[in-house]
Protein backbone atom coordinates (compact mmCIF):
# COMPACT_ATOMS: atom_id res chain seq x y z
CA MET A 1 43.32 34.27 -24.59
CA GLY A 2 46.47 36.67 -24.34
CA GLU A 3 47.36 36.52 -20.59
CA THR A 4 49.60 33.52 -19.29
CA CYS A 5 47.92 30.72 -18.17
CA PRO A 6 48.60 26.48 -18.57
CA LEU A 7 47.33 25.52 -22.17
CA SER A 8 45.66 22.62 -20.07
CA LEU A 9 43.45 24.67 -18.34
CA LEU A 10 42.52 26.98 -21.29
CA LEU A 11 41.58 23.75 -23.20
CA ARG A 12 39.23 22.64 -20.59
CA THR A 13 37.75 26.37 -20.38
CA ALA A 14 37.44 26.77 -24.09
CA MET A 15 35.64 22.63 -23.93
CA ARG A 16 33.52 23.56 -21.58
CA GLY A 17 32.12 26.93 -22.84
CA SER A 18 31.96 25.37 -26.19
CA GLU A 19 29.45 22.44 -24.86
CA THR A 20 30.69 20.42 -27.74
CA LYS A 21 31.53 17.13 -25.77
CA ARG A 22 28.19 17.28 -23.99
CA ALA A 23 26.71 17.56 -27.30
CA ALA A 24 28.91 14.92 -28.95
CA GLY A 25 27.92 12.27 -26.12
CA ARG A 26 24.36 12.86 -26.78
CA TRP A 27 24.06 12.17 -30.83
CA PRO A 28 26.31 10.01 -32.79
CA GLY A 29 28.09 12.04 -35.13
CA GLY A 30 26.73 15.22 -33.75
CA SER A 31 29.99 16.78 -32.50
CA ALA A 32 30.94 16.80 -36.49
CA LEU A 33 28.15 18.49 -37.38
CA TYR A 34 28.97 21.20 -34.80
CA LEU A 35 32.66 20.93 -34.83
CA SER A 36 31.97 21.87 -38.94
CA GLN A 37 31.00 25.66 -37.39
CA CYS A 38 34.37 25.70 -35.77
CA GLU A 39 36.59 25.94 -38.64
CA GLY A 40 39.09 23.34 -37.38
CA TRP A 41 38.90 24.25 -33.80
CA TRP A 42 40.02 20.77 -32.56
CA GLU A 43 42.40 20.57 -35.11
CA GLN A 44 44.47 23.98 -34.22
CA VAL A 45 43.91 22.74 -30.50
CA SER A 46 45.86 19.61 -31.13
CA ARG A 47 48.56 21.48 -32.77
CA ALA A 48 49.03 24.01 -29.55
CA LEU A 49 49.23 20.62 -27.16
CA LEU A 50 52.06 19.34 -29.39
CA GLU A 51 54.00 22.76 -29.77
CA GLU A 52 53.60 23.15 -25.78
CA ALA A 53 54.58 19.56 -25.05
CA ASP A 54 58.06 20.39 -27.66
CA LEU A 55 58.59 23.19 -25.61
CA GLY A 56 58.82 21.34 -22.06
CA GLY A 57 55.96 22.64 -20.73
CA PRO A 58 52.95 25.30 -20.71
CA GLN A 59 53.96 28.31 -22.63
CA CYS A 60 52.31 31.68 -22.28
CA PRO A 61 50.93 34.11 -23.37
CA LEU A 62 49.49 31.77 -26.04
CA VAL A 63 47.01 32.17 -28.19
CA VAL A 64 44.43 29.50 -28.57
CA PRO A 65 41.74 29.37 -31.37
CA VAL A 66 38.01 29.95 -29.85
CA CYS A 67 34.99 28.66 -31.73
CA PRO A 68 32.64 31.22 -32.97
CA PRO A 69 30.03 32.54 -30.53
CA ARG A 70 27.00 30.20 -29.03
CA GLU A 71 24.76 32.20 -31.10
CA LYS A 72 26.02 31.04 -34.55
CA GLY A 73 25.56 27.21 -33.59
CA GLN A 74 22.81 27.52 -31.60
CA LYS A 75 20.19 26.45 -34.33
CA GLU A 76 22.57 23.28 -34.77
CA ARG A 77 22.49 22.41 -31.05
CA GLU A 78 19.00 22.57 -31.21
CA THR A 79 18.48 20.65 -33.62
CA LEU A 80 21.15 17.90 -32.08
CA GLN A 81 18.87 18.04 -28.80
CA GLN A 82 15.78 17.26 -30.82
CA MET A 83 17.43 14.32 -32.43
CA ALA A 84 18.86 12.96 -29.41
CA GLU A 85 15.64 13.42 -27.88
CA VAL A 86 14.06 11.31 -30.22
CA THR A 87 16.65 8.60 -30.46
CA ARG A 88 16.22 8.08 -26.78
CA GLU A 89 12.15 8.40 -26.82
CA GLY A 90 12.30 5.96 -29.77
CA PHE A 91 14.85 3.49 -28.13
CA ARG A 92 13.04 3.06 -24.77
CA LEU A 93 9.78 2.28 -27.10
CA LYS A 94 11.80 -0.33 -29.05
CA LYS A 95 12.92 -2.03 -25.68
CA ILE A 96 9.21 -2.27 -24.92
CA LEU A 97 8.36 -3.45 -28.42
CA ILE A 98 11.03 -6.12 -27.53
CA GLU A 99 9.77 -7.34 -24.51
CA ASP A 100 6.00 -7.36 -26.01
CA TRP A 101 7.30 -9.64 -28.53
CA LYS A 102 9.12 -12.01 -26.52
CA LYS A 103 5.67 -12.24 -23.99
CA ALA A 104 3.62 -12.81 -27.44
CA ARG A 105 6.04 -15.11 -28.91
CA GLU A 106 5.90 -17.14 -25.57
CA GLU A 107 1.66 -17.39 -25.66
CA LYS A 108 1.78 -17.85 -29.59
CA GLN A 109 4.15 -20.69 -29.22
CA LYS A 110 2.21 -22.30 -26.24
CA LYS A 111 -1.30 -21.62 -28.36
CA LEU A 112 0.75 -23.55 -31.41
CA THR A 113 1.58 -26.13 -29.33
CA GLU A 114 -2.30 -26.38 -27.84
CA LEU A 115 -3.32 -26.13 -31.48
CA GLN A 116 -1.31 -29.08 -32.67
CA ASP A 117 -2.23 -31.40 -29.71
CA GLY A 118 -6.38 -30.54 -30.73
CA LYS A 119 -5.57 -31.24 -34.58
CA LYS A 120 -5.42 -34.96 -33.64
CA SER A 121 -8.49 -35.34 -31.54
CA LEU A 122 -10.17 -33.14 -34.07
CA GLU A 123 -9.28 -35.30 -36.98
CA ASP A 124 -10.31 -38.63 -35.46
CA GLN A 125 -13.68 -37.18 -34.71
CA VAL A 126 -14.11 -35.62 -38.29
CA GLU A 127 -13.51 -38.91 -39.31
CA MET A 128 -16.14 -40.73 -36.94
CA LEU A 129 -18.63 -38.22 -38.22
CA ARG A 130 -18.36 -38.75 -41.98
CA THR A 131 -18.70 -42.78 -40.76
CA VAL A 132 -22.06 -41.35 -39.27
CA LYS A 133 -22.93 -39.51 -42.71
CA GLU A 134 -22.35 -41.96 -44.78
CA GLU A 135 -24.37 -44.40 -42.53
CA ALA A 136 -27.05 -42.35 -42.30
CA GLU A 137 -27.09 -41.74 -46.06
CA LYS A 138 -27.45 -45.05 -47.44
CA PRO A 139 -31.28 -45.55 -46.22
CA GLU A 140 -32.05 -42.02 -47.28
CA LYS A 141 -30.92 -42.55 -50.75
CA GLU A 142 -32.77 -45.78 -50.90
CA ALA A 143 -35.62 -44.03 -49.86
CA LYS A 144 -35.70 -41.20 -51.95
CA ASP A 145 -34.77 -43.59 -54.83
CA GLN A 146 -38.07 -45.53 -54.72
CA HIS A 147 -39.99 -42.60 -53.89
CA ARG A 148 -38.75 -41.01 -57.10
CA LYS A 149 -39.29 -44.45 -59.29
CA LEU A 150 -42.90 -44.60 -57.92
CA TRP A 151 -43.48 -41.23 -59.25
CA GLU A 152 -41.74 -41.64 -62.39
CA GLU A 153 -44.03 -44.66 -63.04
CA GLN A 154 -47.19 -42.82 -61.93
CA GLN A 155 -46.04 -40.38 -64.59
CA ALA A 156 -45.52 -42.49 -67.46
CA ALA A 157 -48.80 -44.36 -66.67
CA SER A 158 -50.17 -40.47 -66.59
CA ARG A 159 -48.39 -39.81 -70.08
CA ALA A 160 -49.60 -43.62 -71.60
CA GLN A 161 -53.19 -42.41 -70.66
CA ARG A 162 -53.45 -39.00 -71.95
CA GLU A 163 -51.36 -40.68 -75.29
CA GLN A 164 -54.41 -43.54 -75.56
CA GLU A 165 -57.05 -40.65 -74.62
CA LEU A 166 -55.35 -38.61 -77.72
CA ALA A 167 -55.54 -41.32 -80.08
CA ALA A 168 -58.94 -42.28 -79.16
CA ASN A 169 -60.12 -39.17 -80.13
CA ALA A 170 -58.19 -38.57 -83.30
CA PHE A 171 -59.86 -42.21 -84.54
CA GLN A 172 -63.21 -41.26 -83.49
CA GLU A 173 -62.51 -38.45 -85.83
CA LEU A 174 -61.28 -40.54 -88.91
CA ASP A 175 -63.87 -42.84 -88.26
CA ASP A 176 -66.44 -40.80 -90.53
CA ASP A 177 -68.91 -43.77 -91.26
CA MET A 178 -68.83 -44.36 -87.59
CA ASP A 179 -68.44 -48.30 -88.31
CA GLY A 180 -65.39 -48.81 -85.46
CA THR A 181 -62.32 -48.85 -88.13
CA VAL A 182 -60.49 -46.18 -90.27
CA SER A 183 -60.00 -46.86 -93.83
CA ALA A 184 -57.42 -45.14 -96.41
CA ALA A 185 -60.39 -42.98 -97.94
CA GLU A 186 -60.87 -41.89 -94.58
CA LEU A 187 -57.41 -40.74 -93.67
CA GLN A 188 -57.25 -39.03 -97.07
CA THR A 189 -59.58 -36.22 -95.22
CA HIS A 190 -56.39 -35.19 -93.35
CA PRO A 191 -53.99 -33.46 -96.26
CA GLU A 192 -51.73 -32.42 -93.13
CA LEU A 193 -50.89 -36.15 -93.25
CA ASP A 194 -48.98 -36.11 -96.46
CA THR A 195 -45.82 -37.84 -96.71
CA ASP A 196 -44.51 -36.88 -100.13
CA GLY A 197 -44.43 -33.11 -99.28
CA ASP A 198 -47.35 -32.53 -101.99
CA GLY A 199 -50.03 -31.13 -100.07
CA ALA A 200 -52.07 -34.06 -100.75
CA LEU A 201 -52.58 -37.30 -98.98
CA SER A 202 -52.83 -39.82 -101.74
CA GLU A 203 -54.46 -43.33 -101.56
CA GLY A 204 -50.85 -44.91 -101.26
CA GLU A 205 -49.92 -42.62 -98.94
CA ALA A 206 -52.69 -43.77 -96.65
CA GLN A 207 -52.54 -47.14 -97.03
CA ALA A 208 -48.87 -46.95 -96.21
CA LEU A 209 -49.91 -45.55 -92.95
CA LEU A 210 -52.52 -48.03 -92.14
CA GLY A 211 -50.24 -50.78 -93.46
CA GLY A 212 -52.08 -52.23 -96.14
CA ASP A 213 -55.01 -51.49 -97.72
CA ALA A 214 -57.59 -53.01 -95.28
CA PRO A 215 -59.45 -51.03 -92.73
CA THR A 216 -57.64 -50.71 -88.85
CA ASP A 217 -59.57 -51.10 -85.55
CA SER A 218 -58.70 -48.77 -82.89
CA THR A 219 -56.35 -51.35 -81.21
CA ALA A 220 -54.11 -51.46 -84.29
CA PHE A 221 -54.65 -47.84 -85.07
CA TYR A 222 -52.85 -46.57 -81.62
CA ASP A 223 -49.97 -49.29 -81.76
CA ARG A 224 -49.38 -48.70 -85.58
CA VAL A 225 -50.61 -45.65 -87.09
CA TRP A 226 -50.70 -43.04 -83.99
CA ALA A 227 -47.24 -42.82 -83.62
CA ALA A 228 -46.68 -41.92 -87.17
CA ILE A 229 -49.25 -39.47 -87.82
CA ARG A 230 -49.52 -37.83 -84.31
CA ASP A 231 -46.94 -34.96 -84.78
CA LYS A 232 -48.80 -33.87 -88.02
CA TYR A 233 -52.45 -34.71 -87.04
CA ARG A 234 -54.75 -31.72 -86.64
CA SER A 235 -57.97 -32.42 -84.52
CA GLU A 236 -61.25 -31.15 -86.29
CA ALA A 237 -63.19 -31.04 -82.69
CA LEU A 238 -60.92 -28.15 -81.54
CA SER A 239 -61.48 -24.47 -82.30
CA THR A 240 -58.73 -22.30 -83.14
CA GLU A 241 -60.38 -19.01 -83.31
CA PRO A 242 -57.53 -16.67 -83.16
CA PRO A 243 -58.05 -14.84 -79.63
CA VAL A 244 -59.55 -10.79 -80.78
CA PRO A 245 -56.57 -8.41 -79.87
CA SER A 246 -57.63 -6.03 -77.52
CA ALA A 247 -57.98 -2.62 -79.11
CA PRO A 248 -55.61 -0.07 -78.21
CA ASP A 249 -56.97 2.76 -75.83
CA LEU A 250 -58.16 5.45 -78.17
CA PRO A 251 -59.40 8.92 -77.56
CA GLU A 252 -63.22 9.26 -77.44
CA PRO A 253 -64.34 10.74 -80.41
CA LYS A 254 -65.61 14.14 -79.91
CA GLU A 255 -69.66 14.18 -79.94
CA GLU A 256 -70.99 15.73 -83.33
CA GLN A 257 -74.16 16.70 -83.46
CA PRO A 258 -76.58 14.77 -86.01
CA PRO A 259 -77.50 16.94 -88.89
CA VAL A 260 -81.38 17.41 -89.09
CA ALA A 261 -83.13 15.37 -91.72
CA SER A 262 -85.74 16.77 -93.94
CA PRO A 263 -88.71 15.25 -94.22
CA PRO A 264 -89.00 12.34 -97.00
CA SER A 265 -90.82 13.18 -99.89
CA GLU A 266 -93.52 11.27 -101.03
CA ASP A 267 -91.42 8.94 -103.53
CA GLU A 268 -89.21 8.10 -101.22
CA GLU A 269 -91.43 6.84 -98.77
CA GLU A 270 -93.10 4.39 -101.51
CA GLU A 271 -89.21 3.04 -102.45
CA GLU A 272 -88.94 2.53 -98.41
CA GLU A 273 -92.27 0.39 -98.47
CA GLU A 274 -91.28 -1.66 -101.43
CA GLU A 275 -87.86 -2.66 -99.81
CA GLU A 276 -89.07 -3.82 -96.60
CA THR A 277 -91.72 -5.73 -98.72
CA GLU A 278 -89.07 -7.49 -100.91
CA GLU A 279 -87.09 -8.32 -97.75
CA GLU A 280 -89.86 -9.98 -96.13
CA GLU A 281 -90.62 -12.15 -98.81
CA GLU A 282 -87.06 -13.44 -98.30
CA GLU A 283 -87.05 -14.13 -95.11
CA GLU A 284 -90.24 -16.34 -95.75
CA GLU A 285 -88.83 -18.07 -98.66
CA GLU A 286 -85.35 -19.12 -96.42
CA GLU A 287 -87.74 -20.40 -93.68
CA GLU A 288 -89.62 -22.52 -95.80
CA THR A 289 -86.66 -23.86 -97.41
CA GLN A 290 -84.75 -24.72 -93.88
CA GLY A 291 -88.26 -26.22 -92.89
CA GLN A 292 -87.76 -28.79 -95.94
CA GLY A 293 -84.64 -30.14 -94.36
CA GLU A 294 -81.66 -28.48 -96.21
CA GLN A 295 -79.37 -27.26 -93.85
CA PRO A 296 -76.89 -24.53 -94.79
CA LYS A 297 -73.05 -25.72 -95.21
CA GLU A 298 -70.79 -24.18 -92.58
CA PRO A 299 -67.12 -23.75 -93.41
CA PRO A 300 -65.32 -26.66 -91.40
CA PRO A 301 -63.22 -25.39 -88.51
CA PRO A 302 -59.60 -24.94 -88.83
CA LEU A 303 -57.30 -27.93 -88.23
CA VAL A 304 -55.59 -27.56 -85.24
CA PRO A 305 -52.64 -29.76 -83.35
CA PRO A 306 -53.91 -31.83 -80.22
CA GLN A 307 -52.91 -29.78 -77.15
CA THR A 308 -50.79 -31.50 -74.75
CA ALA A 309 -51.19 -31.10 -71.25
CA SER A 310 -49.19 -28.32 -70.23
CA PRO A 311 -46.51 -29.51 -66.68
CA GLY A 312 -48.34 -27.83 -63.89
CA GLU A 313 -48.87 -29.28 -59.73
CA GLU A 314 -49.38 -33.07 -61.59
CA ASP A 315 -45.82 -32.94 -62.94
CA LYS A 316 -44.59 -31.84 -59.85
CA MET A 317 -43.02 -34.80 -57.38
CA PRO A 318 -45.32 -34.74 -54.52
CA PRO A 319 -43.70 -34.38 -51.08
CA TYR A 320 -41.66 -37.48 -49.46
CA ASP A 321 -43.88 -39.98 -47.07
CA GLU A 322 -42.92 -39.78 -43.48
CA GLN A 323 -40.50 -42.73 -43.31
CA THR A 324 -38.92 -40.83 -46.13
CA GLN A 325 -38.31 -37.72 -44.49
CA ALA A 326 -37.36 -39.02 -41.39
CA PHE A 327 -34.60 -40.86 -43.45
CA ILE A 328 -33.62 -37.08 -44.64
CA ASP A 329 -33.69 -35.39 -41.46
CA ALA A 330 -31.56 -37.86 -39.84
CA ALA A 331 -29.17 -37.56 -42.88
CA GLN A 332 -29.04 -33.95 -43.01
CA GLU A 333 -28.65 -33.74 -39.40
CA ALA A 334 -25.61 -35.90 -39.50
CA ARG A 335 -24.40 -34.07 -42.58
CA ASN A 336 -24.67 -30.72 -40.88
CA LYS A 337 -22.16 -32.06 -38.18
CA PHE A 338 -19.51 -33.39 -40.11
CA GLU A 339 -19.50 -29.93 -42.20
CA GLU A 340 -18.89 -28.28 -39.14
CA ALA A 341 -16.51 -30.59 -37.48
CA GLU A 342 -14.60 -30.27 -41.22
CA ARG A 343 -14.93 -26.68 -41.04
CA SER A 344 -13.39 -26.10 -37.44
CA LEU A 345 -10.50 -28.18 -38.87
CA ARG A 346 -9.77 -26.15 -41.63
CA GLU A 347 -9.93 -23.16 -39.51
CA MET A 348 -7.41 -25.04 -37.04
CA GLU A 349 -5.20 -25.93 -39.80
CA GLU A 350 -4.97 -22.41 -40.85
CA SER A 351 -4.33 -20.78 -37.72
CA ILE A 352 -1.25 -23.50 -37.03
CA ARG A 353 0.12 -22.23 -40.34
CA ASN A 354 -0.47 -18.72 -39.75
CA LEU A 355 1.34 -19.16 -36.11
CA GLU A 356 4.04 -20.89 -37.71
CA GLN A 357 4.61 -18.25 -40.27
CA GLU A 358 4.78 -16.06 -37.95
CA ILE A 359 6.73 -17.41 -35.12
CA SER A 360 9.38 -18.44 -37.60
CA PHE A 361 9.54 -14.77 -39.24
CA ASP A 362 12.64 -12.78 -39.21
CA PHE A 363 11.32 -9.72 -37.06
CA GLY A 364 14.54 -8.18 -36.63
CA PRO A 365 17.83 -9.17 -34.01
CA ASP A 366 15.30 -9.02 -31.20
CA GLY A 367 12.25 -9.44 -32.87
CA GLU A 368 11.46 -5.77 -32.58
CA PHE A 369 9.80 -4.91 -35.83
CA ALA A 370 7.13 -7.82 -35.11
CA TYR A 371 4.54 -5.66 -34.23
CA LEU A 372 4.20 -4.28 -37.83
CA TYR A 373 3.25 -7.74 -38.96
CA SER A 374 -0.43 -7.42 -38.44
CA GLN A 375 -0.85 -3.50 -39.51
CA CYS A 376 -1.30 -1.28 -42.26
CA TYR A 377 -0.25 2.32 -42.70
CA GLU A 378 -1.27 4.72 -45.63
CA LEU A 379 -0.17 7.91 -46.91
CA ALA A 380 -2.36 10.39 -49.08
CA THR A 381 -0.85 12.49 -51.98
CA ASN A 382 -2.29 14.88 -54.16
CA GLU A 383 -2.94 11.92 -56.95
CA TYR A 384 -2.74 8.82 -54.71
CA ILE A 385 -3.25 7.11 -51.59
CA TYR A 386 -0.20 4.73 -50.61
CA ARG A 387 -0.98 1.78 -48.31
CA LEU A 388 1.90 -0.17 -46.71
CA CYS A 389 1.52 -3.38 -44.93
CA PRO A 390 4.63 -4.46 -43.50
CA PHE A 391 6.02 -8.10 -44.18
CA LYS A 392 2.99 -8.49 -46.68
CA MET A 393 2.28 -5.86 -49.79
CA VAL A 394 2.66 -2.42 -50.70
CA SER A 395 -0.26 -0.48 -52.88
CA GLN A 396 -1.44 2.53 -54.39
CA LYS A 397 -5.08 3.47 -55.33
CA PRO A 398 -6.28 6.79 -57.17
CA LYS A 399 -7.77 9.56 -54.38
CA LEU A 400 -10.62 10.21 -56.44
CA GLY A 401 -11.63 6.39 -56.23
CA GLY A 402 -9.93 3.10 -58.73
CA SER A 403 -8.97 0.08 -57.94
CA PRO A 404 -5.30 -0.44 -56.17
CA THR A 405 -1.97 -0.83 -57.70
CA ASN A 406 0.02 -3.93 -56.44
CA LEU A 407 3.27 -2.17 -55.87
CA GLY A 408 4.92 -5.44 -54.56
CA THR A 409 4.59 -7.90 -52.09
CA TRP A 410 7.16 -8.81 -49.49
CA GLY A 411 10.88 -9.87 -50.35
CA SER A 412 13.16 -9.80 -48.05
CA TRP A 413 15.33 -7.45 -45.41
CA ALA A 414 17.30 -5.24 -48.29
CA GLY A 415 19.68 -3.13 -45.73
CA PRO A 416 23.40 -3.16 -46.20
CA GLU A 417 25.34 -5.81 -44.87
CA HIS A 418 26.29 -4.33 -41.89
CA ASP A 419 22.64 -2.60 -41.36
CA LYS A 420 20.38 -5.08 -42.65
CA PHE A 421 17.12 -4.67 -41.31
CA SER A 422 17.63 -0.90 -41.92
CA ALA A 423 15.32 -1.43 -45.27
CA MET A 424 12.90 -3.73 -46.84
CA LYS A 425 12.08 -5.12 -50.41
CA TYR A 426 8.87 -5.64 -51.94
CA GLU A 427 8.66 -7.28 -55.41
CA GLN A 428 6.90 -8.86 -58.25
CA GLY A 429 3.99 -6.16 -57.60
CA THR A 430 1.54 -5.35 -60.88
CA GLY A 431 3.81 -4.82 -64.24
CA CYS A 432 4.16 -1.53 -65.80
CA TRP A 433 2.98 -0.99 -69.73
CA GLN A 434 5.84 -2.54 -71.42
CA GLY A 435 7.95 -2.30 -68.47
CA PRO A 436 8.55 -4.07 -65.37
CA ASN A 437 7.01 -5.55 -62.39
CA ARG A 438 6.61 -3.00 -60.11
CA SER A 439 8.69 -2.95 -56.79
CA THR A 440 9.29 -0.68 -53.56
CA THR A 441 12.07 -0.28 -50.98
CA VAL A 442 11.12 0.95 -47.90
CA ARG A 443 13.67 2.79 -45.24
CA LEU A 444 13.17 2.45 -41.99
CA LEU A 445 13.80 5.49 -39.73
CA CYS A 446 14.31 6.52 -36.39
CA GLY A 447 10.95 7.97 -34.86
CA LYS A 448 8.69 7.78 -32.15
CA GLU A 449 5.48 6.99 -34.29
CA THR A 450 5.22 4.81 -36.79
CA VAL A 451 4.23 6.57 -39.74
CA VAL A 452 4.75 6.83 -43.58
CA THR A 453 6.63 10.06 -44.02
CA SER A 454 7.31 9.94 -47.95
CA THR A 455 6.71 7.90 -51.05
CA THR A 456 8.61 8.81 -54.49
CA GLU A 457 9.34 7.06 -57.43
CA PRO A 458 13.13 7.61 -58.12
CA SER A 459 13.15 5.14 -61.55
CA ARG A 460 10.46 3.90 -63.86
CA CYS A 461 8.22 1.33 -61.59
CA GLU A 462 10.64 1.38 -58.80
CA TYR A 463 9.40 3.26 -55.52
CA LEU A 464 10.82 4.25 -52.47
CA MET A 465 8.96 4.94 -49.31
CA GLU A 466 10.30 6.02 -45.81
CA LEU A 467 8.71 4.36 -42.66
CA MET A 468 9.37 6.08 -39.23
CA THR A 469 9.10 3.34 -36.51
CA PRO A 470 10.78 3.14 -32.85
CA ALA A 471 11.98 -0.15 -33.90
CA ALA A 472 14.90 1.51 -36.34
CA CYS A 473 16.34 3.72 -33.37
CA PRO A 474 19.74 3.12 -32.22
CA GLU A 475 20.86 2.98 -28.70
CA PRO A 476 22.07 6.27 -27.81
CA PRO A 477 25.39 6.64 -26.07
CA PRO A 478 25.73 6.91 -22.62
CA GLU A 479 25.09 10.98 -21.55
CA VAL A 480 28.18 12.99 -20.08
CA PRO A 481 27.37 14.58 -17.09
CA ALA A 482 26.46 18.47 -17.46
CA GLU A 483 28.60 21.29 -16.34
CA GLY A 484 28.27 21.53 -12.44
CA ASP A 485 28.05 17.75 -12.17
CA HIS A 486 31.43 17.20 -10.79
CA ASP A 487 34.43 19.24 -9.65
CA GLU A 488 37.69 19.50 -11.90
CA LEU A 489 40.93 19.39 -10.06
């Protein structure tokens, strides 16, 4: 640049050659990044312009500082171009997201209005079906109560009959002389009826049970005596031989060869004949004794308690009669219809609450973040899988399995005052051991795709997550025409 020339021409040439102006127009702050490689090129040019003005016009030859060669800034220019491309594409997608939310919001508002209008009609239907159900349940209840009452009466009569049978059997056993009464002496044959714990039933105790010293007949026995002795009385007629336990399976013994017996001597044969003769004589004497009327006494059977009837089929309530079953079926049908309508009403109320919340939610200046509302995004690290569900919660789960940990639920937008929607705050997560509850700040970055790019823990129990999304892309500045698009005069 040593030849004489107008400074303005040199300036234009330098600007066009460096492409600084075009780079600055494509990315906010890009000119500063590029000019940092030029060591104050613009500042030097500005001083040269001031000197030219002071001298009254172009002064040549004038040495104008030139930016370093293009090769040194090639990497920076490529980075700027990539960032500019991401911004342009992200902002284009952002405008689509805004339009989608406008349409979706209108549809949701329309659906909300329809649900609110239909809610009143469904509420009336529920109340009508409630009345029908209650009316159908009245005859059902009466019929079921009557059926149960009859069954319980039958059960009581059956129990009373069994009790009378037990008492009658006991009376017959106690009436040893079969005179139709039970005396104190006959009652004393059952020591298990002892009342003072000495192991024997005294005459006084027996008379106390009978209500006096006079014998009692079967009617009085059932009315007064049986209730006092039934729990202690042991029937003599019931055998209580314990069941023979089954022998465990044992290995069969090995067969052994019997020893070969030597032939008996003459003396041994005579002894055996004498023993057989004695046994035959004893058997003949026993037969003669039995023939004379003497019966050998057998040991009395063990005393056992009377067996009560075990619950079986007869203790189950019988099926309902045809008319009662018809009442039950009608009431059940009414209940089913009422419960179905009531369930539909609950679902409708839940839908109304969700729509009202979603429509009124702050999804950004133009609703560009609304598409994140029903989505979740994950990032896997070496140890954990982090899960972000925007506007709901953040969690982490061990990669090798285990329960998730709540890192915070939606709190609010947390960006600076001039850029409120650049960060989200999730609070009141699971408490740390001897520390505060976990919380997460989500920083929103411009990107063509929606993806969690990083998760860190800058301080204990406080997490930082970065989410790339087109909704965070700013509007890029207008593009400056490239060299050759117009002529300089």
